[in-house]
C-alpha atoms as a PDB file:
ATOM      1  CA  MET A   1      96.395  85.996  73.710  1.00  0.00           C
ATOM      2  CA  THR A   2      92.650  86.186  74.138  1.00  0.00           C
ATOM      3  CA  GLN A   3      91.532  89.802  74.373  1.00  0.00           C
ATOM      4  CA  PRO A   4      88.722  90.984  76.636  1.00  0.00           C
ATOM      5  CA  THR A   5      85.582  91.894  74.777  1.00  0.00           C
ATOM      6  CA  SER A   6      83.634  95.085  75.243  1.00  0.00           C
ATOM      7  CA  ALA A   7      80.569  94.602  77.425  1.00  0.00           C
ATOM      8  CA  PRO A   8      78.318  96.768  79.544  1.00  0.00           C
ATOM      9  CA  ALA A   9      78.936  97.022  83.251  1.00  0.00           C
ATOM     10  CA  LEU A  10      77.443  94.065  85.076  1.00  0.00           C
ATOM     11  CA  ARG A  11      75.305  94.160  88.196  1.00  0.00           C
ATOM     12  CA  MET A  12      75.229  92.079  91.326  1.00  0.00           C
ATOM     13  CA  GLY A  13      72.341  89.654  91.807  1.00  0.00           C
ATOM     14  CA  PRO A  14      71.366  88.014  95.128  1.00  0.00           C
ATOM     15  CA  THR A  15      73.726  85.080  94.484  1.00  0.00           C
ATOM     16  CA  GLU A  16      76.666  87.378  93.772  1.00  0.00           C
ATOM     17  CA  TRP A  17      76.008  89.431  96.920  1.00  0.00           C
ATOM     18  CA  LEU A  18      75.902  86.255  99.010  1.00  0.00           C
ATOM     19  CA  LEU A  19      79.147  85.007  97.453  1.00  0.00           C
ATOM     20  CA  LEU A  20      80.736  88.415  98.048  1.00  0.00           C
ATOM     21  CA  VAL A  21      79.900  88.162 101.742  1.00  0.00           C
ATOM     22  CA  VAL A  22      81.374  84.650 101.908  1.00  0.00           C
ATOM     23  CA  LEU A  23      84.492  85.875 100.107  1.00  0.00           C
ATOM     24  CA  SER A  24      84.843  88.742 102.575  1.00  0.00           C
ATOM     25  CA  VAL A  25      84.877  86.247 105.444  1.00  0.00           C
ATOM     26  CA  LEU A  26      87.485  84.049 103.739  1.00  0.00           C
ATOM     27  CA  TRP A  27      89.766  86.962 102.864  1.00  0.00           C
ATOM     28  CA  GLY A  28      89.172  88.660 106.196  1.00  0.00           C
ATOM     29  CA  GLY A  29      90.852  85.664 107.799  1.00  0.00           C
ATOM     30  CA  SER A  30      93.962  86.186 105.672  1.00  0.00           C
ATOM     31  CA  PHE A  31      95.018  89.249 107.713  1.00  0.00           C
ATOM     32  CA  PHE A  32      94.919  87.134 110.866  1.00  0.00           C
ATOM     33  CA  PHE A  33      96.751  84.226 109.222  1.00  0.00           C
ATOM     34  CA  ASN A  34      99.327  86.612 107.740  1.00  0.00           C
ATOM     35  CA  LYS A  35     100.234  88.011 111.140  1.00  0.00           C
ATOM     36  CA  LEU A  36     100.885  84.540 112.549  1.00  0.00           C
ATOM     37  CA  THR A  37     102.956  83.279 109.622  1.00  0.00           C
ATOM     38  CA  VAL A  38     105.038  86.364 108.839  1.00  0.00           C
ATOM     39  CA  ALA A  39     106.119  86.506 112.478  1.00  0.00           C
ATOM     40  CA  GLU A  40     108.206  83.391 111.834  1.00  0.00           C
ATOM     41  CA  TRP A  41     108.948  83.316 108.100  1.00  0.00           C
ATOM     42  CA  PRO A  42     109.891  86.046 105.571  1.00  0.00           C
ATOM     43  CA  PRO A  43     107.123  87.316 103.250  1.00  0.00           C
ATOM     44  CA  PHE A  44     108.222  85.541 100.050  1.00  0.00           C
ATOM     45  CA  ALA A  45     108.466  82.215 101.876  1.00  0.00           C
ATOM     46  CA  VAL A  46     104.925  82.663 103.210  1.00  0.00           C
ATOM     47  CA  VAL A  47     103.680  83.502  99.706  1.00  0.00           C
ATOM     48  CA  GLN A  48     105.357  80.339  98.376  1.00  0.00           C
ATOM     49  CA  VAL A  49     103.614  78.157 100.937  1.00  0.00           C
ATOM     50  CA  ARG A  50     100.321  79.972 100.415  1.00  0.00           C
ATOM     51  CA  VAL A  51     100.097  79.695  96.639  1.00  0.00           C
ATOM     52  CA  GLY A  52     101.913  76.346  96.401  1.00  0.00           C
ATOM     53  CA  LEU A  53      99.670  74.478  98.816  1.00  0.00           C
ATOM     54  CA  ALA A  54      96.585  76.157  97.347  1.00  0.00           C
ATOM     55  CA  ALA A  55      97.618  75.180  93.798  1.00  0.00           C
ATOM     56  CA  LEU A  56      98.256  71.549  94.767  1.00  0.00           C
ATOM     57  CA  SER A  57      94.879  71.277  96.482  1.00  0.00           C
ATOM     58  CA  LEU A  58      93.051  72.756  93.488  1.00  0.00           C
ATOM     59  CA  LEU A  59      94.912  70.561  91.001  1.00  0.00           C
ATOM     60  CA  LEU A  60      93.670  67.587  93.022  1.00  0.00           C
ATOM     61  CA  VAL A  61      90.106  68.929  92.883  1.00  0.00           C
ATOM     62  CA  VAL A  62      90.411  69.457  89.108  1.00  0.00           C
ATOM     63  CA  ARG A  63      91.476  65.838  88.696  1.00  0.00           C
ATOM     64  CA  ILE A  64      88.719  64.499  90.955  1.00  0.00           C
ATOM     65  CA  THR A  65      86.011  66.511  89.170  1.00  0.00           C
ATOM     66  CA  GLY A  66      87.245  65.480  85.726  1.00  0.00           C
ATOM     67  CA  GLN A  67      87.992  69.006  84.524  1.00  0.00           C
ATOM     68  CA  SER A  68      91.023  69.807  82.383  1.00  0.00           C
ATOM     69  CA  MET A  69      93.830  72.348  82.589  1.00  0.00           C
ATOM     70  CA  ALA A  70      94.549  71.955  78.859  1.00  0.00           C
ATOM     71  CA  VAL A  71      93.322  75.442  77.986  1.00  0.00           C
ATOM     72  CA  GLY A  72      95.949  76.445  75.454  1.00  0.00           C
ATOM     73  CA  ARG A  73      99.234  78.352  75.464  1.00  0.00           C
ATOM     74  CA  SER A  74      97.698  81.837  75.328  1.00  0.00           C
ATOM     75  CA  LEU A  75      95.570  81.313  78.426  1.00  0.00           C
ATOM     76  CA  TRP A  76      98.474  79.783  80.326  1.00  0.00           C
ATOM     77  CA  LEU A  77     100.523  82.891  79.530  1.00  0.00           C
ATOM     78  CA  ALA A  78      97.592  84.941  80.806  1.00  0.00           C
ATOM     79  CA  PHE A  79      97.588  82.888  84.022  1.00  0.00           C
ATOM     80  CA  PHE A  80     101.155  84.038  84.624  1.00  0.00           C
ATOM     81  CA  GLY A  81     100.165  87.678  84.117  1.00  0.00           C
ATOM     82  CA  MET A  82      97.226  87.259  86.488  1.00  0.00           C
ATOM     83  CA  GLY A  83      99.477  85.538  88.995  1.00  0.00           C
ATOM     84  CA  VAL A  84     101.814  88.531  89.071  1.00  0.00           C
ATOM     85  CA  LEU A  85      99.019  91.104  89.480  1.00  0.00           C
ATOM     86  CA  ASN A  86      96.706  89.165  91.759  1.00  0.00           C
ATOM     87  CA  ASN A  87      99.140  87.082  93.845  1.00  0.00           C
ATOM     88  CA  LEU A  88     102.855  87.834  93.783  1.00  0.00           C
ATOM     89  CA  ILE A  89     102.765  91.630  93.983  1.00  0.00           C
ATOM     90  CA  PRO A  90      99.877  92.181  96.446  1.00  0.00           C
ATOM     91  CA  PHE A  91     100.595  89.161  98.678  1.00  0.00           C
ATOM     92  CA  SER A  92     104.250  90.105  99.054  1.00  0.00           C
ATOM     93  CA  LEU A  93     103.565  93.808  99.604  1.00  0.00           C
ATOM     94  CA  PHE A  94     100.862  93.215 102.205  1.00  0.00           C
ATOM     95  CA  LEU A  95     102.972  90.692 104.073  1.00  0.00           C
ATOM     96  CA  TRP A  96     105.943  93.056 104.082  1.00  0.00           C
ATOM     97  CA  GLY A  97     103.746  95.942 105.159  1.00  0.00           C
ATOM     98  CA  GLN A  98     102.142  93.967 107.979  1.00  0.00           C
ATOM     99  CA  GLN A  99     105.555  93.429 109.502  1.00  0.00           C
ATOM    100  CA  GLN A 100     105.546  97.152 110.312  1.00  0.00           C
ATOM    101  CA  ILE A 101     101.916  98.295 110.591  1.00  0.00           C
ATOM    102  CA  ALA A 102      98.824  96.944 112.356  1.00  0.00           C
ATOM    103  CA  SER A 103      96.371  94.599 110.637  1.00  0.00           C
ATOM    104  CA  GLY A 104      93.566  97.145 111.107  1.00  0.00           C
ATOM    105  CA  LEU A 105      95.429  99.833 109.206  1.00  0.00           C
ATOM    106  CA  ALA A 106      96.404  97.304 106.535  1.00  0.00           C
ATOM    107  CA  SER A 107      92.742  96.358 106.065  1.00  0.00           C
ATOM    108  CA  ILE A 108      91.793 100.034 105.672  1.00  0.00           C
ATOM    109  CA  LEU A 109      94.484 100.514 103.026  1.00  0.00           C
ATOM    110  CA  ASN A 110      93.248  97.318 101.375  1.00  0.00           C
ATOM    111  CA  ALA A 111      89.790  98.927 101.241  1.00  0.00           C
ATOM    112  CA  THR A 112      91.130 101.524  98.786  1.00  0.00           C
ATOM    113  CA  THR A 113      91.033  98.765  96.133  1.00  0.00           C
ATOM    114  CA  PRO A 114      87.544  99.693  94.812  1.00  0.00           C
ATOM    115  CA  ILE A 115      88.698 103.292  94.295  1.00  0.00           C
ATOM    116  CA  PHE A 116      91.541 102.154  92.087  1.00  0.00           C
ATOM    117  CA  ALA A 117      89.317  99.549  90.427  1.00  0.00           C
ATOM    118  CA  VAL A 118      86.781 102.208  89.416  1.00  0.00           C
ATOM    119  CA  LEU A 119      89.568 104.457  88.082  1.00  0.00           C
ATOM    120  CA  VAL A 120      91.297 101.610  86.219  1.00  0.00           C
ATOM    121  CA  MET A 121      88.058 100.451  84.604  1.00  0.00           C
ATOM    122  CA  HIS A 122      87.176 104.061  83.720  1.00  0.00           C
ATOM    123  CA  CYS A 123      90.554 104.737  82.069  1.00  0.00           C
ATOM    124  CA  PHE A 124      91.354 101.354  80.530  1.00  0.00           C
ATOM    125  CA  GLY A 125      88.124  99.359  80.572  1.00  0.00           C
ATOM    126  CA  ASN A 126      84.557  99.955  79.497  1.00  0.00           C
ATOM    127  CA  GLU A 127      82.940 100.791  82.844  1.00  0.00           C
ATOM    128  CA  LYS A 128      82.741 104.565  83.060  1.00  0.00           C
ATOM    129  CA  ALA A 129      82.824 106.109  86.511  1.00  0.00           C
ATOM    130  CA  THR A 130      79.604 107.950  87.324  1.00  0.00           C
ATOM    131  CA  GLY A 131      79.146 110.487  90.092  1.00  0.00           C
ATOM    132  CA  LEU A 132      77.017 108.023  92.064  1.00  0.00           C
ATOM    133  CA  LYS A 133      79.633 105.285  91.741  1.00  0.00           C
ATOM    134  CA  LEU A 134      82.435 107.581  92.901  1.00  0.00           C
ATOM    135  CA  GLY A 135      80.231 108.764  95.760  1.00  0.00           C
ATOM    136  CA  GLY A 136      79.572 105.150  96.691  1.00  0.00           C
ATOM    137  CA  VAL A 137      83.281 104.342  96.740  1.00  0.00           C
ATOM    138  CA  LEU A 138      83.959 107.352  98.971  1.00  0.00           C
ATOM    139  CA  ALA A 139      81.102 106.397 101.321  1.00  0.00           C
ATOM    140  CA  GLY A 140      82.384 102.849 101.543  1.00  0.00           C
ATOM    141  CA  LEU A 141      85.925 103.941 102.330  1.00  0.00           C
ATOM    142  CA  ILE A 142      84.690 106.375 105.014  1.00  0.00           C
ATOM    143  CA  GLY A 143      82.587 103.565 106.442  1.00  0.00           C
ATOM    144  CA  VAL A 144      85.622 101.303 106.716  1.00  0.00           C
ATOM    145  CA  GLY A 145      87.511 104.047 108.546  1.00  0.00           C
ATOM    146  CA  ILE A 146      84.638 104.586 110.997  1.00  0.00           C
ATOM    147  CA  LEU A 147      84.206 100.858 111.495  1.00  0.00           C
ATOM    148  CA  MET A 148      87.856 100.241 112.322  1.00  0.00           C
ATOM    149  CA  GLY A 149      87.962 103.257 114.641  1.00  0.00           C
ATOM    150  CA  PRO A 150      90.614 105.843 115.510  1.00  0.00           C
ATOM    151  CA  ASP A 151      92.998 103.240 116.933  1.00  0.00           C
ATOM    152  CA  ALA A 152      93.417 101.610 113.519  1.00  0.00           C
ATOM    153  CA  LEU A 153      94.217 105.011 112.017  1.00  0.00           C
ATOM    154  CA  GLY A 154      96.661 105.824 114.794  1.00  0.00           C
ATOM    155  CA  GLY A 155      99.634 104.617 112.788  1.00  0.00           C
ATOM    156  CA  LEU A 156      98.687 106.637 109.721  1.00  0.00           C
ATOM    157  CA  GLY A 157     101.598 108.899 108.826  1.00  0.00           C
ATOM    158  CA  SER A 158     104.329 106.715 110.310  1.00  0.00           C
ATOM    159  CA  ASN A 159     105.939 103.776 108.507  1.00  0.00           C
ATOM    160  CA  LEU A 160     105.097 105.440 105.206  1.00  0.00           C
ATOM    161  CA  ALA A 161     106.994 102.840 103.184  1.00  0.00           C
ATOM    162  CA  ALA A 162     104.863 100.032 104.635  1.00  0.00           C
ATOM    163  CA  GLN A 163     101.667 101.999 104.028  1.00  0.00           C
ATOM    164  CA  LEU A 164     102.721 102.781 100.462  1.00  0.00           C
ATOM    165  CA  ALA A 165     103.381  99.076  99.927  1.00  0.00           C
ATOM    166  CA  CYS A 166      99.797  98.274 100.970  1.00  0.00           C
ATOM    167  CA  VAL A 167      98.419 100.988  98.662  1.00  0.00           C
ATOM    168  CA  LEU A 168     100.471  99.647  95.741  1.00  0.00           C
ATOM    169  CA  ALA A 169      99.099  96.190  96.531  1.00  0.00           C
ATOM    170  CA  ALA A 170      95.577  97.639  96.220  1.00  0.00           C
ATOM    171  CA  VAL A 171      96.514  99.177  92.854  1.00  0.00           C
ATOM    172  CA  SER A 172      97.801  95.786  91.697  1.00  0.00           C
ATOM    173  CA  TYR A 173      94.524  94.156  92.713  1.00  0.00           C
ATOM    174  CA  ALA A 174      92.662  96.792  90.673  1.00  0.00           C
ATOM    175  CA  PHE A 175      94.657  96.039  87.536  1.00  0.00           C
ATOM    176  CA  SER A 176      94.182  92.307  88.110  1.00  0.00           C
ATOM    177  CA  GLY A 177      90.440  92.885  87.847  1.00  0.00           C
ATOM    178  CA  LEU A 178      90.889  94.473  84.423  1.00  0.00           C
ATOM    179  CA  PHE A 179      93.273  91.721  83.317  1.00  0.00           C
ATOM    180  CA  GLY A 180      91.046  88.967  84.684  1.00  0.00           C
ATOM    181  CA  ARG A 181      88.153  89.723  82.332  1.00  0.00           C
ATOM    182  CA  ARG A 182      89.764  87.401  79.791  1.00  0.00           C
ATOM    183  CA  PHE A 183      88.958  84.406  82.031  1.00  0.00           C
ATOM    184  CA  ARG A 184      85.181  84.917  82.045  1.00  0.00           C
ATOM    185  CA  GLY A 185      84.701  81.982  79.673  1.00  0.00           C
ATOM    186  CA  LEU A 186      86.567  79.561  81.941  1.00  0.00           C
ATOM    187  CA  PRO A 187      85.133  77.548  84.823  1.00  0.00           C
ATOM    188  CA  PRO A 188      86.084  79.342  88.078  1.00  0.00           C
ATOM    189  CA  LEU A 189      87.945  76.245  89.321  1.00  0.00           C
ATOM    190  CA  VAL A 190      90.138  76.157  86.214  1.00  0.00           C
ATOM    191  CA  ALA A 191      90.850  79.900  86.348  1.00  0.00           C
ATOM    192  CA  ALA A 192      91.767  79.764  90.050  1.00  0.00           C
ATOM    193  CA  THR A 193      93.965  76.677  89.574  1.00  0.00           C
ATOM    194  CA  GLY A 194      95.770  78.181  86.593  1.00  0.00           C
ATOM    195  CA  GLN A 195      96.493  81.467  88.348  1.00  0.00           C
ATOM    196  CA  LEU A 196      97.791  79.815  91.525  1.00  0.00           C
ATOM    197  CA  SER A 197      99.848  77.235  89.611  1.00  0.00           C
ATOM    198  CA  ALA A 198     101.517  79.984  87.597  1.00  0.00           C
ATOM    199  CA  SER A 199     102.195  81.968  90.757  1.00  0.00           C
ATOM    200  CA  THR A 200     103.809  78.926  92.361  1.00  0.00           C
ATOM    201  CA  ILE A 201     106.129  78.397  89.408  1.00  0.00           C
ATOM    202  CA  MET A 202     107.213  82.054  89.463  1.00  0.00           C
ATOM    203  CA  ILE A 203     107.824  82.330  93.209  1.00  0.00           C
ATOM    204  CA  VAL A 204     110.005  79.193  93.546  1.00  0.00           C
ATOM    205  CA  PRO A 205     113.233  80.690  92.098  1.00  0.00           C
ATOM    206  CA  ILE A 206     112.692  83.919  94.076  1.00  0.00           C
ATOM    207  CA  VAL A 207     112.413  82.025  97.355  1.00  0.00           C
ATOM    208  CA  PHE A 208     115.407  79.803  96.615  1.00  0.00           C
ATOM    209  CA  PHE A 209     117.495  82.882  95.823  1.00  0.00           C
ATOM    210  CA  LEU A 210     116.387  85.090  98.737  1.00  0.00           C
ATOM    211  CA  HIS A 211     115.444  82.552 101.402  1.00  0.00           C
ATOM    212  CA  PRO A 212     116.711  79.012 100.698  1.00  0.00           C
ATOM    213  CA  PRO A 213     114.329  76.601 102.458  1.00  0.00           C
ATOM    214  CA  TRP A 214     117.142  74.936 104.421  1.00  0.00           C
ATOM    215  CA  THR A 215     117.982  78.264 106.055  1.00  0.00           C
ATOM    216  CA  LEU A 216     114.457  78.927 107.340  1.00  0.00           C
ATOM    217  CA  PRO A 217     113.586  78.189 110.976  1.00  0.00           C
ATOM    218  CA  VAL A 218     111.245  75.321 111.787  1.00  0.00           C
ATOM    219  CA  PRO A 219     107.813  76.942 112.186  1.00  0.00           C
ATOM    220  CA  SER A 220     105.681  76.505 115.282  1.00  0.00           C
ATOM    221  CA  GLN A 221     102.472  74.478 115.207  1.00  0.00           C
ATOM    222  CA  GLN A 222     100.526  77.728 115.311  1.00  0.00           C
ATOM    223  CA  ALA A 223     102.331  79.053 112.236  1.00  0.00           C
ATOM    224  CA  VAL A 224     101.818  75.772 110.367  1.00  0.00           C
ATOM    225  CA  LEU A 225      98.077  75.776 111.056  1.00  0.00           C
ATOM    226  CA  ALA A 226      97.880  79.435 110.035  1.00  0.00           C
ATOM    227  CA  ALA A 227      99.706  78.663 106.774  1.00  0.00           C
ATOM    228  CA  VAL A 228      97.310  75.804 106.012  1.00  0.00           C
ATOM    229  CA  GLY A 229      94.319  78.039 106.709  1.00  0.00           C
ATOM    230  CA  LEU A 230      95.837  80.791 104.581  1.00  0.00           C
ATOM    231  CA  ALA A 231      96.372  78.400 101.660  1.00  0.00           C
ATOM    232  CA  LEU A 232      93.224  76.290 101.698  1.00  0.00           C
ATOM    233  CA  ILE A 233      90.613  78.692 103.052  1.00  0.00           C
ATOM    234  CA  SER A 234      91.800  82.215 102.243  1.00  0.00           C
ATOM    235  CA  THR A 235      93.359  81.297  98.891  1.00  0.00           C
ATOM    236  CA  ALA A 236      92.173  78.084  97.205  1.00  0.00           C
ATOM    237  CA  LEU A 237      88.484  78.315  98.127  1.00  0.00           C
ATOM    238  CA  ALA A 238      88.472  82.113  98.028  1.00  0.00           C
ATOM    239  CA  TYR A 239      89.762  82.320  94.457  1.00  0.00           C
ATOM    240  CA  ILE A 240      87.173  79.884  93.143  1.00  0.00           C
ATOM    241  CA  ILE A 241      84.516  82.237  94.522  1.00  0.00           C
ATOM    242  CA  PHE A 242      86.458  85.290  93.253  1.00  0.00           C
ATOM    243  CA  PHE A 243      86.460  84.058  89.648  1.00  0.00           C
ATOM    244  CA  ARG A 244      82.811  82.988  89.936  1.00  0.00           C
ATOM    245  CA  ILE A 245      81.786  86.526  90.918  1.00  0.00           C
ATOM    246  CA  MET A 246      84.039  88.111  88.299  1.00  0.00           C
ATOM    247  CA  ARG A 247      82.512  85.974  85.548  1.00  0.00           C
ATOM    248  CA  THR A 248      78.942  87.064  86.278  1.00  0.00           C
ATOM    249  CA  ALA A 249      79.315  90.505  87.905  1.00  0.00           C
ATOM    250  CA  GLY A 250      82.537  91.979  86.513  1.00  0.00           C
ATOM    251  CA  PRO A 251      85.838  93.148  88.021  1.00  0.00           C
ATOM    252  CA  SER A 252      84.687  96.387  89.643  1.00  0.00           C
ATOM    253  CA  ASN A 253      81.980  94.592  91.588  1.00  0.00           C
ATOM    254  CA  VAL A 254      84.162  91.766  92.849  1.00  0.00           C
ATOM    255  CA  MET A 255      86.635  94.314  94.254  1.00  0.00           C
ATOM    256  CA  LEU A 256      83.867  95.606  96.554  1.00  0.00           C
ATOM    257  CA  VAL A 257      84.758  92.678  98.802  1.00  0.00           C
ATOM    258  CA  THR A 258      87.431  94.850 100.425  1.00  0.00           C
ATOM    259  CA  PHE A 259      84.671  97.027 101.936  1.00  0.00           C
ATOM    260  CA  LEU A 260      82.990  93.967 103.433  1.00  0.00           C
ATOM    261  CA  ILE A 261      86.097  92.343 104.902  1.00  0.00           C
ATOM    262  CA  PRO A 262      86.166  94.632 108.005  1.00  0.00           C
ATOM    263  CA  VAL A 263      82.406  94.171 108.431  1.00  0.00           C
ATOM    264  CA  SER A 264      82.813  90.392 108.439  1.00  0.00           C
ATOM    265  CA  ALA A 265      85.656  90.621 110.943  1.00  0.00           C
ATOM    266  CA  ILE A 266      83.600  92.777 113.338  1.00  0.00           C
ATOM    267  CA  LEU A 267      80.483  90.596 113.115  1.00  0.00           C
ATOM    268  CA  LEU A 268      82.473  87.370 113.522  1.00  0.00           C
ATOM    269  CA  GLY A 269      84.181  88.818 116.564  1.00  0.00           C
ATOM    270  CA  SER A 270      80.823  89.715 118.039  1.00  0.00           C
ATOM    271  CA  GLY A 271      79.092  86.440 117.207  1.00  0.00           C
ATOM    272  CA  LEU A 272      81.878  83.981 117.988  1.00  0.00           C
ATOM    273  CA  LEU A 273      84.027  85.774 120.542  1.00  0.00           C
ATOM    274  CA  GLY A 274      81.406  87.860 122.314  1.00  0.00           C
ATOM    275  CA  GLU A 275      83.127  91.146 121.423  1.00  0.00           C
ATOM    276  CA  GLU A 276      81.043  94.267 122.016  1.00  0.00           C
ATOM    277  CA  LEU A 277      79.392  96.046 119.102  1.00  0.00           C
ATOM    278  CA  LEU A 278      79.896  99.805 119.529  1.00  0.00           C
ATOM    279  CA  PRO A 279      77.862 102.664 117.985  1.00  0.00           C
ATOM    280  CA  ARG A 280      80.702 103.402 115.571  1.00  0.00           C
ATOM    281  CA  HIS A 281      80.439  99.830 114.252  1.00  0.00           C
ATOM    282  CA  PHE A 282      76.808 100.379 113.269  1.00  0.00           C
ATOM    283  CA  ALA A 283      77.633 103.810 111.816  1.00  0.00           C
ATOM    284  CA  GLY A 284      80.508 102.391 109.786  1.00  0.00           C
ATOM    285  CA  MET A 285      78.457  99.458 108.489  1.00  0.00           C
ATOM    286  CA  THR A 286      75.641 101.825 107.513  1.00  0.00           C
ATOM    287  CA  ALA A 287      78.052 103.996 105.496  1.00  0.00           C
ATOM    288  CA  ILE A 288      79.481 100.904 103.812  1.00  0.00           C
ATOM    289  CA  PHE A 289      76.043  99.580 102.849  1.00  0.00           C
ATOM    290  CA  VAL A 290      75.038 103.000 101.488  1.00  0.00           C
ATOM    291  CA  GLY A 291      78.229 103.012  99.426  1.00  0.00           C
ATOM    292  CA  LEU A 292      77.567  99.515  98.098  1.00  0.00           C
ATOM    293  CA  ALA A 293      74.015 100.484  97.141  1.00  0.00           C
ATOM    294  CA  LEU A 294      75.276 103.504  95.195  1.00  0.00           C
ATOM    295  CA  ILE A 295      77.958 101.489  93.400  1.00  0.00           C
ATOM    296  CA  ASP A 296      75.526  98.685  92.559  1.00  0.00           C
ATOM    297  CA  GLY A 297      73.617 101.001  90.210  1.00  0.00           C
ATOM    298  CA  ARG A 298      70.069 100.197  91.275  1.00  0.00           C
ATOM    299  CA  VAL A 299      69.747 103.545  93.067  1.00  0.00           C
ATOM    300  CA  ALA A 300      70.524 105.420  89.849  1.00  0.00           C
ATOM    301  CA  THR A 301      68.073 103.278  87.854  1.00  0.00           C
ATOM    302  CA  LEU A 302      65.306 103.786  90.407  1.00  0.00           C
ATOM    303  CA  TRP A 303      65.925 107.543  90.505  1.00  0.00           C
ATOM    304  CA  SER A 304      65.926 107.836  86.703  1.00  0.00           C
ATOM    305  CA  ALA A 305      62.725 105.820  86.437  1.00  0.00           C
ATOM    306  CA  ARG A 306      60.960 108.000  88.991  1.00  0.00           C
ATOM    307  CA  ARG A 307      62.051 111.190  87.244  1.00  0.00           C
ATOM    308  CA  ALA A 308      60.795 109.835  83.932  1.00  0.00           C
ATOM    309  CA  GLY A 309      57.514 108.741  85.499  1.00  0.00           C
ATOM    310  CA  ALA A 310      58.130 105.148  84.512  1.00  0.00           C
ATOM    311  CA  PRO A 311      57.095 102.128  86.601  1.00  0.00           C
ATOM    312  CA  THR A 312      59.857 101.198  89.077  1.00  0.00           C
ATOM    313  CA  ALA A 313      58.824  97.645  89.838  1.00  0.00           C
END
């Protein structure tokens, strides 16, 4: 199996930041879609529809664009490992958790992903955690909490099993970032298609054993539309962007999307639904942006240059 090579920590350029914002919007919608689908179908069945439909759509795109999935046995085995860490475990745990806790609390627990990503890369990767980076992660997490407000934290302490499931999902996402470095040489479309295809193959026997399709209720039109949105928008398109960012900016940076997901949700609600922006929203977004600036590394470079008396431009 191809092993990840040692490389310095990568930074985010303007293109990567823009893609990260787009990804936050796409994945922010998944919490809404999840709530609608899991209300009618069990979690594993929803995961099957999500990854299966996404894989089929991407395989069609691969064929249309003339790309190839003939990447070799070792990479296909790696796709299965990535599918477990980045799809099966977190998707199932979040869906199960959202049956018992609110979407707002789930999104806050999801925002712990960068913390675990920094720790995983520090312990097992080659991106050492600096004081500024840890401070940035803490600022971002505090910002998410402020942004979501006290109501979202109201369920904290109850339904501990569901909350633990969401935290374990965040840990799985963190390890998927470390594991996913081996796909940097692949086109993002191929990497996304391989991961989702492998996930589909693995989830089929689980669903047939736990929830045979013929025993499931016929979903409502609302649930069907939510499942399609979950598969095509929040999964197929989102993972192409995910692997594009990972290839150029590294795993720790792509996991910062979990800080931006609540920001996207608040701004979309304000812009499209006319929801009121409160002072805590601005305070939370400010803390998140400060955290992102610290994690990005440019603050440390600028500070070091000024202390050394070097030009900063």
